[in-house]
Amino acid sequence: MKPDHHVTYFRPEMSNVAVSPALQAGEEAELHRLLKEQARKINELSETLREREEELERQRGEHDRVSLELLENSRAVAVLARNIDKSREETERRIAKRISSKILPIVMELKDNEADGKETRELELLESYVRELTASLLGGTNCLGVLTTTEMRVASMIKNGATSNEISLQLCISPHTVKAHRKSIRKKLDIRNSSVNLASFLNSEM
């Protein structure tokens, strides 16, 4: 038999290697520097973010201010436009009433008193133009356009405060006829309430 050979392997012992103080201090200094650098960058980013937020808030405030100004201006323009329209309508209405109460009765009287056929036709045409004008100025709501020539004269005199007897004498018609014209005027102008004063109503319409 072969003799047993005992083989011994050398395993060096792992001993704790001491880190030199200088190396440890250097690593700590580097770590401190890195942390300080990161803190600086974080602070810079925070400051940039704060500035951006302030700028955004400023722009939002400016946007709100401009929006409010535009809204106020829009409202002011709308009010001005309504006032202009209202003033224009009132002016047109006054003109139409003046034409109806002052000019139209004269045209109608000339037409009725004119014997010549040609001039009568011309006066009828003029009357038509005047009625169309007053109707357009009143937005197509000239209620006086339904009255006849005589009724228009009677209405004009009633508006000016004339009594039935005065109307009868001036137009050479009977008081009964004047009363009939008054009744017809009320009916055509749709004045159903007997308590409504005809003269006051005509003053508001003529």
Protein backbone atom coordinates (compact mmCIF):
# COMPACT_ATOMS: atom_id res chain seq x y z
CA MET A 1 0.00 0.00 0.00
CA LYS A 2 0.97 3.52 -0.74
CA PRO A 3 1.58 5.56 2.26
CA ASP A 4 -1.05 8.28 2.89
CA HIS A 5 0.25 11.71 2.19
CA HIS A 6 -1.37 14.52 4.15
CA VAL A 7 -1.52 17.64 2.03
CA THR A 8 -1.75 20.85 3.91
CA TYR A 9 -3.11 23.95 2.05
CA PHE A 10 -2.15 27.39 3.20
CA ARG A 11 -5.07 29.73 3.76
CA PRO A 12 -4.05 33.15 4.82
CA GLU A 13 -6.18 34.64 7.59
CA MET A 14 -8.37 37.62 6.50
CA SER A 15 -7.65 40.29 9.00
CA ASN A 16 -9.46 43.63 9.29
CA VAL A 17 -7.59 46.23 7.28
CA ALA A 18 -7.58 49.54 9.08
CA VAL A 19 -8.57 52.57 6.96
CA SER A 20 -6.24 55.42 7.41
CA PRO A 21 -7.71 58.57 8.93
CA ALA A 22 -6.57 60.64 5.97
CA LEU A 23 -8.49 58.45 3.49
CA GLN A 24 -11.62 58.49 5.61
CA ALA A 25 -11.49 62.27 5.95
CA GLY A 26 -11.12 62.64 2.19
CA GLU A 27 -14.18 60.49 1.50
CA GLU A 28 -16.24 62.39 4.01
CA ALA A 29 -15.17 65.69 2.47
CA GLU A 30 -16.16 64.47 -1.02
CA LEU A 31 -19.51 63.25 0.27
CA HIS A 32 -20.08 66.57 1.99
CA ARG A 33 -19.20 68.40 -1.23
CA LEU A 34 -21.62 66.28 -3.26
CA LEU A 35 -24.40 66.82 -0.74
CA LYS A 36 -23.72 70.54 -0.71
CA GLU A 37 -23.80 70.63 -4.53
CA GLN A 38 -27.08 68.75 -4.61
CA ALA A 39 -28.54 71.09 -1.99
CA ARG A 40 -27.47 74.08 -4.07
CA LYS A 41 -29.11 72.67 -7.21
CA ILE A 42 -32.28 71.91 -5.26
CA ASN A 43 -32.33 75.47 -3.93
CA GLU A 44 -31.83 76.84 -7.44
CA LEU A 45 -34.66 74.70 -8.79
CA SER A 46 -36.90 75.77 -5.90
CA GLU A 47 -36.11 79.43 -6.56
CA THR A 48 -36.79 79.00 -10.29
CA LEU A 49 -40.07 77.24 -9.51
CA ARG A 50 -41.06 80.03 -7.11
CA GLU A 51 -40.28 82.67 -9.73
CA ARG A 52 -42.28 80.77 -12.34
CA GLU A 53 -45.22 80.50 -9.97
CA GLU A 54 -45.04 84.22 -9.23
CA GLU A 55 -44.92 85.02 -12.94
CA LEU A 56 -47.86 82.70 -13.59
CA GLU A 57 -49.82 84.34 -10.80
CA ARG A 58 -48.99 87.79 -12.19
CA GLN A 59 -50.10 86.77 -15.67
CA ARG A 60 -53.28 85.25 -14.25
CA GLY A 61 -54.01 88.50 -12.43
CA GLU A 62 -53.34 90.51 -15.57
CA HIS A 63 -55.60 88.20 -17.56
CA ASP A 64 -58.38 88.58 -14.99
CA ARG A 65 -57.98 92.37 -15.04
CA VAL A 66 -58.11 92.55 -18.84
CA SER A 67 -61.11 90.19 -18.91
CA LEU A 68 -62.92 92.36 -16.37
CA GLU A 69 -62.16 95.51 -18.37
CA LEU A 70 -63.41 93.87 -21.56
CA LEU A 71 -66.58 92.75 -19.80
CA GLU A 72 -67.19 96.24 -18.40
CA ASN A 73 -66.51 97.83 -21.79
CA SER A 74 -68.84 95.36 -23.45
CA ARG A 75 -71.59 96.19 -20.97
CA ALA A 76 -71.01 99.91 -21.44
CA VAL A 77 -71.20 99.55 -25.22
CA ALA A 78 -74.39 97.50 -24.92
CA VAL A 79 -75.99 100.13 -22.67
CA LEU A 80 -74.88 102.90 -25.03
CA ALA A 81 -76.29 101.03 -28.03
CA ARG A 82 -79.63 100.53 -26.23
CA ASN A 83 -79.75 104.20 -25.29
CA ILE A 84 -78.99 105.24 -28.87
CA ASP A 85 -81.69 102.91 -30.21
CA LYS A 86 -84.16 104.16 -27.63
CA SER A 87 -83.36 107.79 -28.40
CA ARG A 88 -83.66 107.16 -32.15
CA GLU A 89 -87.00 105.41 -31.72
CA GLU A 90 -88.34 108.21 -29.53
CA THR A 91 -87.20 110.83 -32.05
CA GLU A 92 -88.78 108.94 -34.95
CA ARG A 93 -91.98 108.53 -32.96
CA ARG A 94 -92.15 112.26 -32.20
CA ILE A 95 -91.58 113.10 -35.85
CA ALA A 96 -94.26 110.64 -36.94
CA LYS A 97 -96.75 112.02 -34.44
CA ARG A 98 -96.04 115.57 -35.55
CA ILE A 99 -96.53 114.60 -39.21
CA SER A 100 -99.78 112.80 -38.37
CA SER A 101 -101.20 115.64 -36.32
CA LYS A 102 -99.90 118.65 -38.28
CA ILE A 103 -99.20 117.78 -41.90
CA LEU A 104 -101.57 114.92 -42.72
CA PRO A 105 -104.78 116.79 -41.77
CA ILE A 106 -103.76 119.70 -44.01
CA VAL A 107 -103.09 117.36 -46.94
CA MET A 108 -106.42 115.62 -46.41
CA GLU A 109 -108.28 118.92 -46.23
CA LEU A 110 -106.64 120.19 -49.41
CA LYS A 111 -107.53 116.95 -51.15
CA ASP A 112 -111.21 117.20 -50.12
CA ASN A 113 -111.49 120.87 -51.06
CA GLU A 114 -109.66 120.54 -54.38
CA ALA A 115 -111.97 120.40 -57.40
CA ASP A 116 -109.38 119.68 -60.10
CA GLY A 117 -109.02 115.95 -60.71
CA LYS A 118 -105.29 116.02 -61.44
CA GLU A 119 -104.43 117.94 -58.28
CA THR A 120 -106.71 115.66 -56.27
CA ARG A 121 -104.80 112.61 -57.49
CA GLU A 122 -101.53 114.30 -56.62
CA LEU A 123 -102.81 115.11 -53.12
CA GLU A 124 -104.00 111.53 -52.71
CA LEU A 125 -100.53 110.35 -53.67
CA LEU A 126 -98.99 112.80 -51.22
CA GLU A 127 -101.36 111.55 -48.50
CA SER A 128 -100.29 107.99 -49.24
CA TYR A 129 -96.62 108.95 -48.97
CA VAL A 130 -97.19 110.73 -45.67
CA ARG A 131 -99.05 107.74 -44.22
CA GLU A 132 -96.28 105.37 -45.36
CA LEU A 133 -93.67 107.65 -43.83
CA THR A 134 -95.40 107.83 -40.46
CA ALA A 135 -96.00 104.08 -40.49
CA SER A 136 -92.33 103.35 -41.19
CA LEU A 137 -91.19 105.77 -38.47
CA LEU A 138 -93.52 104.04 -36.03
CA GLY A 139 -92.31 100.60 -37.04
CA GLY A 140 -95.46 99.81 -38.99
CA THR A 141 -97.70 100.56 -36.00
CA ASN A 142 -99.37 103.82 -37.07
CA CYS A 143 -102.81 103.22 -35.62
CA LEU A 144 -104.06 106.59 -36.90
CA GLY A 145 -103.77 105.34 -40.46
CA VAL A 146 -107.14 103.60 -40.12
CA LEU A 147 -109.00 106.89 -39.69
CA THR A 148 -110.85 108.59 -42.53
CA THR A 149 -110.13 112.16 -43.59
CA THR A 150 -112.93 113.62 -41.47
CA GLU A 151 -112.11 111.40 -38.51
CA MET A 152 -108.49 112.55 -38.75
CA ARG A 153 -109.62 116.17 -38.61
CA VAL A 154 -111.92 115.49 -35.67
CA ALA A 155 -109.16 113.56 -33.86
CA SER A 156 -106.71 116.42 -34.43
CA MET A 157 -109.17 118.95 -33.01
CA ILE A 158 -110.00 116.71 -30.02
CA LYS A 159 -106.31 116.37 -29.34
CA ASN A 160 -105.97 120.17 -29.32
CA GLY A 161 -108.77 120.46 -26.76
CA ALA A 162 -111.70 121.43 -28.96
CA THR A 163 -115.18 120.59 -27.68
CA SER A 164 -117.80 118.80 -29.73
CA ASN A 165 -119.68 122.08 -30.34
CA GLU A 166 -116.49 123.80 -31.51
CA ILE A 167 -115.73 120.89 -33.84
CA SER A 168 -119.32 121.01 -35.13
CA LEU A 169 -119.09 124.73 -35.93
CA GLN A 170 -115.64 124.57 -37.53
CA LEU A 171 -116.35 121.53 -39.72
CA CYS A 172 -119.95 122.55 -40.44
CA ILE A 173 -121.38 119.27 -39.21
CA SER A 174 -123.96 118.50 -36.57
CA PRO A 175 -123.04 117.69 -32.95
CA HIS A 176 -124.62 114.28 -33.49
CA THR A 177 -122.20 113.66 -36.37
CA VAL A 178 -119.29 114.72 -34.17
CA LYS A 179 -120.46 112.25 -31.54
CA ALA A 180 -120.60 109.52 -34.19
CA HIS A 181 -117.08 110.35 -35.29
CA ARG A 182 -115.88 110.19 -31.69
CA LYS A 183 -117.42 106.74 -31.32
CA SER A 184 -115.91 105.56 -34.61
CA ILE A 185 -112.47 106.89 -33.63
CA ARG A 186 -112.59 105.00 -30.32
CA LYS A 187 -113.63 101.81 -32.08
CA LYS A 188 -110.95 102.04 -34.79
CA LEU A 189 -108.23 102.85 -32.25
CA ASP A 190 -109.40 99.95 -30.07
CA ILE A 191 -110.19 102.16 -27.06
CA ARG A 192 -112.63 99.84 -25.31
CA ASN A 193 -112.45 101.33 -21.83
CA SER A 194 -114.87 104.25 -21.59
CA SER A 195 -112.84 105.74 -18.75
CA VAL A 196 -109.93 106.40 -21.13
CA ASN A 197 -109.88 110.08 -22.09
CA LEU A 198 -109.86 110.35 -25.87
CA ALA A 199 -107.92 113.63 -25.91
CA SER A 200 -105.20 112.19 -23.64
CA PHE A 201 -104.96 109.08 -25.78
CA LEU A 202 -104.66 111.11 -28.98
CA ASN A 203 -101.99 113.30 -27.37
CA SER A 204 -99.93 110.18 -26.75
CA GLU A 205 -100.42 108.92 -30.31
CA MET A 206 -100.34 112.09 -32.42
